[in-house]
Protein backbone atom coordinates (compact mmCIF):
# COMPACT_ATOMS: atom_id res chain seq x y z
CA UNK A 1 26.86 -6.77 -27.49
CA UNK A 2 23.76 -8.06 -25.70
CA UNK A 3 22.24 -5.73 -23.12
CA UNK A 4 22.53 -7.00 -19.53
CA UNK A 5 19.61 -7.09 -17.14
CA UNK A 6 20.09 -5.75 -13.59
CA UNK A 7 21.36 -8.54 -11.36
CA UNK A 8 22.09 -6.67 -8.09
CA UNK A 9 18.97 -4.81 -7.04
CA UNK A 10 18.32 -2.89 -3.83
CA UNK A 11 14.62 -2.37 -3.00
CA UNK A 12 13.97 0.63 -0.76
CA UNK A 13 10.31 -0.31 -0.27
CA UNK A 14 8.44 -3.55 0.17
CA UNK A 15 6.23 -3.71 -2.94
CA UNK A 16 9.12 -4.16 -5.37
CA UNK A 17 10.65 -6.82 -3.12
CA UNK A 18 7.39 -8.76 -3.00
CA UNK A 19 6.90 -8.40 -6.75
CA UNK A 20 10.36 -9.77 -7.52
CA UNK A 21 9.78 -12.71 -5.20
CA UNK A 22 6.39 -13.39 -6.74
CA UNK A 23 7.81 -13.49 -10.27
CA UNK A 24 10.72 -15.74 -9.34
CA UNK A 25 13.47 -13.09 -9.45
CA UNK A 26 14.40 -12.88 -5.76
CA UNK A 27 18.00 -13.85 -6.48
CA UNK A 28 18.51 -10.43 -8.05
CA UNK A 29 17.79 -8.67 -4.73
CA UNK A 30 20.83 -7.78 -2.63
CA UNK A 31 19.26 -5.32 -0.17
CA UNK A 32 15.82 -4.44 1.20
CA UNK A 33 13.94 -1.98 3.39
CA UNK A 34 13.91 -2.61 7.13
CA UNK A 35 10.11 -2.36 7.01
CA UNK A 36 9.81 -5.39 4.75
CA UNK A 37 7.58 -8.15 6.07
CA UNK A 38 6.35 -9.61 2.76
CA UNK A 39 7.43 -12.17 1.94
CA UNK A 40 8.64 -13.27 5.40
CA UNK A 41 11.74 -15.01 4.01
CA UNK A 42 13.05 -11.72 2.62
CA UNK A 43 13.96 -10.54 6.13
CA UNK A 44 15.92 -13.74 6.68
CA UNK A 45 17.69 -13.76 3.33
CA UNK A 46 18.42 -10.13 2.48
CA UNK A 47 20.33 -7.37 4.32
CA UNK A 48 18.25 -4.40 5.44
CA UNK A 49 19.72 -1.12 4.28
CA UNK A 50 16.98 1.51 4.56
CA UNK A 51 13.95 2.80 6.39
CA UNK A 52 11.46 4.78 4.29
CA UNK A 53 12.77 8.33 4.29
CA UNK A 54 16.33 7.43 5.25
CA UNK A 55 18.91 4.92 4.08
CA UNK A 56 22.41 3.69 4.83
CA UNK A 57 24.04 4.98 1.68
CA UNK A 58 27.36 3.41 2.66
CA UNK A 59 25.78 -0.01 3.08
CA UNK A 60 23.94 0.31 -0.23
CA UNK A 61 27.13 1.26 -2.07
CA UNK A 62 28.99 -1.66 -0.44
CA UNK A 63 26.48 -4.01 -2.10
CA UNK A 64 27.54 -2.72 -5.55
CA UNK A 65 23.97 -2.49 -6.89
CA UNK A 66 23.36 -2.03 -10.59
CA UNK A 67 19.82 -0.80 -9.82
CA UNK A 68 18.08 0.74 -6.81
CA UNK A 69 14.28 0.80 -6.72
CA UNK A 70 12.36 3.37 -4.71
CA UNK A 71 8.88 4.79 -4.30
CA UNK A 72 7.49 8.32 -4.20
CA UNK A 73 8.82 11.81 -3.75
CA UNK A 74 9.54 11.00 -0.10
CA UNK A 75 12.59 9.04 -1.26
CA UNK A 76 13.83 11.76 -3.60
CA UNK A 77 16.72 12.73 -1.32
CA UNK A 78 17.92 9.12 -1.09
CA UNK A 79 17.67 8.76 -4.86
CA UNK A 80 19.56 12.00 -5.43
CA UNK A 81 22.47 10.94 -3.22
CA UNK A 82 22.71 7.54 -4.89
CA UNK A 83 22.63 9.10 -8.34
CA UNK A 84 25.48 11.40 -7.31
CA UNK A 85 27.41 8.27 -6.34
CA UNK A 86 26.90 6.87 -9.83
CA UNK A 87 24.13 4.38 -9.01
CA UNK A 88 21.22 3.78 -11.40
CA UNK A 89 17.94 4.53 -9.63
CA UNK A 90 14.32 3.95 -10.60
CA UNK A 91 11.70 5.63 -8.42
CA UNK A 92 8.10 4.61 -8.99
CA UNK A 93 5.48 7.19 -8.08
CA UNK A 94 2.16 5.41 -8.57
CA UNK A 95 -0.93 6.12 -6.47
CA UNK A 96 -3.74 4.13 -8.11
CA UNK A 97 -4.76 0.52 -8.69
CA UNK A 98 -3.83 0.84 -12.36
CA UNK A 99 -0.56 2.41 -11.27
CA UNK A 100 0.21 -0.68 -9.16
CA UNK A 101 -0.40 -2.94 -12.15
CA UNK A 102 1.76 -0.70 -14.35
CA UNK A 103 4.57 -0.76 -11.78
CA UNK A 104 4.60 -4.55 -11.78
CA UNK A 105 4.59 -4.68 -15.57
CA UNK A 106 7.50 -2.23 -15.81
CA UNK A 107 9.51 -4.04 -13.15
CA UNK A 108 8.92 -7.40 -14.81
CA UNK A 109 10.19 -6.03 -18.12
CA UNK A 110 13.27 -4.55 -16.43
CA UNK A 111 14.35 -7.98 -15.19
CA UNK A 112 13.27 -9.93 -18.28
CA UNK A 113 10.44 -11.79 -16.56
CA UNK A 114 7.56 -10.69 -18.77
CA UNK A 115 5.65 -13.98 -18.78
CA UNK A 116 5.80 -14.50 -15.00
CA UNK A 117 4.78 -10.88 -14.45
CA UNK A 118 1.81 -11.16 -16.79
CA UNK A 119 0.72 -14.17 -14.76
CA UNK A 120 0.94 -12.16 -11.53
CA UNK A 121 -0.94 -9.24 -13.08
CA UNK A 122 -3.60 -11.66 -14.34
CA UNK A 123 -4.00 -13.01 -10.81
CA UNK A 124 -4.39 -9.48 -9.44
CA UNK A 125 -6.93 -8.55 -12.13
CA UNK A 126 -8.90 -11.71 -11.31
CA UNK A 127 -9.00 -10.62 -7.66
CA UNK A 128 -10.34 -7.21 -8.68
CA UNK A 129 -12.94 -8.69 -11.03
CA UNK A 130 -14.10 -11.18 -8.39
CA UNK A 131 -14.49 -8.42 -5.82
CA UNK A 132 -16.53 -6.29 -8.23
CA UNK A 133 -18.84 -9.20 -9.08
CA UNK A 134 -19.51 -10.02 -5.44
CA UNK A 135 -19.86 -6.46 -4.15
CA UNK A 136 -23.10 -6.14 -2.14
CA UNK A 137 -25.97 -4.04 -3.59
CA UNK A 138 -26.07 -1.74 -0.54
CA UNK A 139 -22.81 0.15 -0.21
CA UNK A 140 -21.73 1.08 3.34
CA UNK A 141 -19.96 4.37 3.96
CA UNK A 142 -16.34 3.70 4.91
CA UNK A 143 -13.88 5.94 6.73
CA UNK A 144 -10.32 4.69 6.26
CA UNK A 145 -7.76 6.30 8.59
CA UNK A 146 -4.13 6.07 7.54
CA UNK A 147 -2.84 8.01 10.55
CA UNK A 148 -4.40 9.39 13.74
CA UNK A 149 -2.41 12.48 14.73
CA UNK A 150 -3.21 14.25 12.48
CA UNK A 151 -6.03 12.23 10.99
CA UNK A 152 -5.19 11.26 7.42
CA UNK A 153 -7.72 9.61 5.13
CA UNK A 154 -7.22 6.93 2.47
CA UNK A 155 -4.69 7.23 -0.33
CA UNK A 156 -6.05 6.78 -3.84
CA UNK A 157 -5.47 3.06 -4.35
CA UNK A 158 -7.11 2.30 -0.98
CA UNK A 159 -10.09 4.50 -1.87
CA UNK A 160 -10.40 2.67 -5.19
CA UNK A 161 -10.21 -0.73 -3.49
CA UNK A 162 -12.95 0.30 -1.05
CA UNK A 163 -15.19 1.13 -4.00
CA UNK A 164 -14.28 -2.12 -5.80
CA UNK A 165 -15.09 -4.12 -2.65
CA UNK A 166 -18.54 -2.54 -2.47
CA UNK A 167 -18.07 0.39 -0.09
CA UNK A 168 -18.12 4.17 -0.38
CA UNK A 169 -15.06 6.10 0.70
CA UNK A 170 -16.41 9.08 2.63
CA UNK A 171 -13.49 11.27 1.53
CA UNK A 172 -13.14 10.51 -2.21
CA UNK A 173 -12.02 14.08 -2.91
CA UNK A 174 -9.04 13.74 -0.54
CA UNK A 175 -8.06 10.42 -2.12
CA UNK A 176 -7.12 12.30 -5.28
CA UNK A 177 -4.35 14.12 -3.39
CA UNK A 178 -1.01 12.31 -3.81
CA UNK A 179 0.62 13.35 -0.54
CA UNK A 180 -0.34 12.71 3.07
CA UNK A 181 -0.39 16.37 4.06
CA UNK A 182 -3.11 17.06 1.53
CA UNK A 183 -5.20 14.22 2.96
CA UNK A 184 -5.21 15.57 6.50
CA UNK A 185 -8.78 16.04 7.74
CA UNK A 186 -8.73 19.64 8.89
CA UNK A 187 -11.99 19.36 10.82
CA UNK A 188 -12.45 15.96 12.56
CA UNK A 189 -16.14 16.77 12.97
CA UNK A 190 -16.44 16.29 9.21
CA UNK A 191 -16.11 12.55 9.85
CA UNK A 192 -19.13 12.80 12.17
CA UNK A 193 -21.11 14.71 9.56
CA UNK A 194 -20.34 12.08 6.90
CA UNK A 195 -21.61 9.27 9.17
CA UNK A 196 -19.45 6.28 8.20
CA UNK A 197 -20.93 2.82 8.72
CA UNK A 198 -17.47 1.25 8.94
CA UNK A 199 -14.21 2.69 10.26
CA UNK A 200 -10.96 1.04 9.23
CA UNK A 201 -7.62 1.99 10.73
CA UNK A 202 -4.23 1.24 9.24
CA UNK A 203 -1.74 3.30 11.21
CA UNK A 204 1.74 2.88 9.73
CA UNK A 205 4.15 1.59 12.33
CA UNK A 206 1.72 1.27 15.25
CA UNK A 207 -1.33 -0.72 16.29
CA UNK A 208 -4.78 0.67 15.56
CA UNK A 209 -6.64 1.51 18.78
CA UNK A 210 -10.39 1.39 18.13
CA UNK A 211 -11.24 2.35 21.70
CA UNK A 212 -9.34 5.62 21.30
CA UNK A 213 -11.13 6.35 18.05
CA UNK A 214 -14.53 5.63 19.61
CA UNK A 215 -13.72 7.98 22.50
CA UNK A 216 -13.11 11.02 20.29
CA UNK A 217 -15.49 13.89 21.10
CA UNK A 218 -18.81 13.46 19.33
CA UNK A 219 -17.84 10.22 17.61
CA UNK A 220 -20.34 8.21 19.65
CA UNK A 221 -22.94 9.50 17.18
CA UNK A 222 -21.24 7.80 14.23
CA UNK A 223 -22.99 4.59 13.06
CA UNK A 224 -19.69 2.69 12.94
CA UNK A 225 -19.04 3.52 16.60
CA UNK A 226 -22.62 2.79 17.67
CA UNK A 227 -22.39 -0.64 16.03
CA UNK A 228 -18.79 -1.32 17.06
CA UNK A 229 -17.75 -1.56 13.42
CA UNK A 230 -14.15 -0.42 13.89
CA UNK A 231 -11.48 -2.62 12.38
CA UNK A 232 -7.78 -2.76 11.60
CA UNK A 233 -6.12 -3.79 8.37
CA UNK A 234 -2.36 -4.12 8.75
CA UNK A 235 -0.47 -1.49 6.81
CA UNK A 236 1.69 -4.18 5.15
CA UNK A 237 -1.50 -5.59 3.62
CA UNK A 238 -3.11 -2.40 2.33
CA UNK A 239 -0.68 0.55 2.31
CA UNK A 240 2.00 -1.22 0.27
CA UNK A 241 1.30 -0.30 -3.38
CA UNK A 242 2.04 -3.70 -4.80
CA UNK A 243 0.69 -7.27 -4.84
CA UNK A 244 -0.32 -7.20 -1.15
CA UNK A 245 -2.92 -4.47 -1.63
CA UNK A 246 -4.50 -6.30 -4.58
CA UNK A 247 -4.63 -9.62 -2.74
CA UNK A 248 -4.77 -9.65 1.06
CA UNK A 249 -5.73 -5.99 1.40
CA UNK A 250 -8.62 -6.30 -1.03
CA UNK A 251 -9.71 -9.58 0.55
CA UNK A 252 -9.86 -7.97 3.99
CA UNK A 253 -11.93 -5.07 2.66
CA UNK A 254 -14.36 -7.45 0.96
CA UNK A 255 -14.78 -9.47 4.16
CA UNK A 256 -15.48 -6.41 6.31
CA UNK A 257 -17.98 -4.98 3.84
CA UNK A 258 -19.70 -8.36 3.35
CA UNK A 259 -20.00 -8.82 7.12
CA UNK A 260 -21.55 -5.35 7.47
CA UNK A 261 -24.03 -6.11 4.71
CA UNK A 262 -25.03 -9.43 6.31
CA UNK A 263 -25.60 -7.74 9.67
CA UNK A 264 -27.51 -4.69 8.43
CA UNK A 265 -29.35 -5.63 5.23
C-alpha cells in the first residue's frame, strides 16, 4: 500500500503557512494561526484556530487534521494536548538561518514537494549570497530590540542576518540563547556602553516607538540616537523563522546598513 502524504494540515505559526503557499501546497492547509499575515490571502482563505501560546483545540479537532505543525517549546503544551487527542504533530525548533533552510526542506519532503522546495531554498540562498557580496566594508554596530519591557535582544537567526547584511550585532553572546528570557538585557546601560550605530526595533504585537527608546536615561549618548538612526522592521518580516526573514527581513536589514554606510563613510 502506498504511503499517503498529509492532506489536512493545521499550521500553528506563520512560517510553515508561508512555506506551503510558496511551494504550491496551500490546498493542504485547513487551519492557521491568528497572527498570520503572510501571505495575505491566507487570512481570507483559511480558518484561524490558534494564537501563539494558546489554541482552540476543539476547533482544530473539528478540522480533522492529519498533521499539525508548530514551532518551539512555547507550543509544547498545545502539542501535548493534540497528541493526547490522537493527532500527529510536528514541532520545529530551529533558531538559526541554516535551521530555517532545514525546516523548509523537511516540510517540503513531508508533503512531497521536493523540487518546488529546492527552488525556494535556492532563492533564499541567493538572497543570502547577494547580501554577503554587497555588505559594506565598514560594519556598523547594530542593536536589535525584540521587546522593550523587558528589553530583549536579537534571536540567533536575526543576529546572523545582521552579520550577513554587513552589520555587527552588539549582543552576539545573547543571540546564542534559544529563549527570550535568556536574551533579556539585565543592565540597559550595557547598550550605552556598546555604542550601537543603528537601533532596530521589532516589538511583537505592537508598534516600535523610537521616541520612547531615544528618551531612555543616558541613551542620548548613543550614536544611533544622536544620528536619529532608529528604525522599525515589522515582526512578520524578521521574527518569523521562515521565508520572510530570508527575503523581506534580510532586504530591510541590507537597506538600513547600506544607508548608514552611505551617510557615514
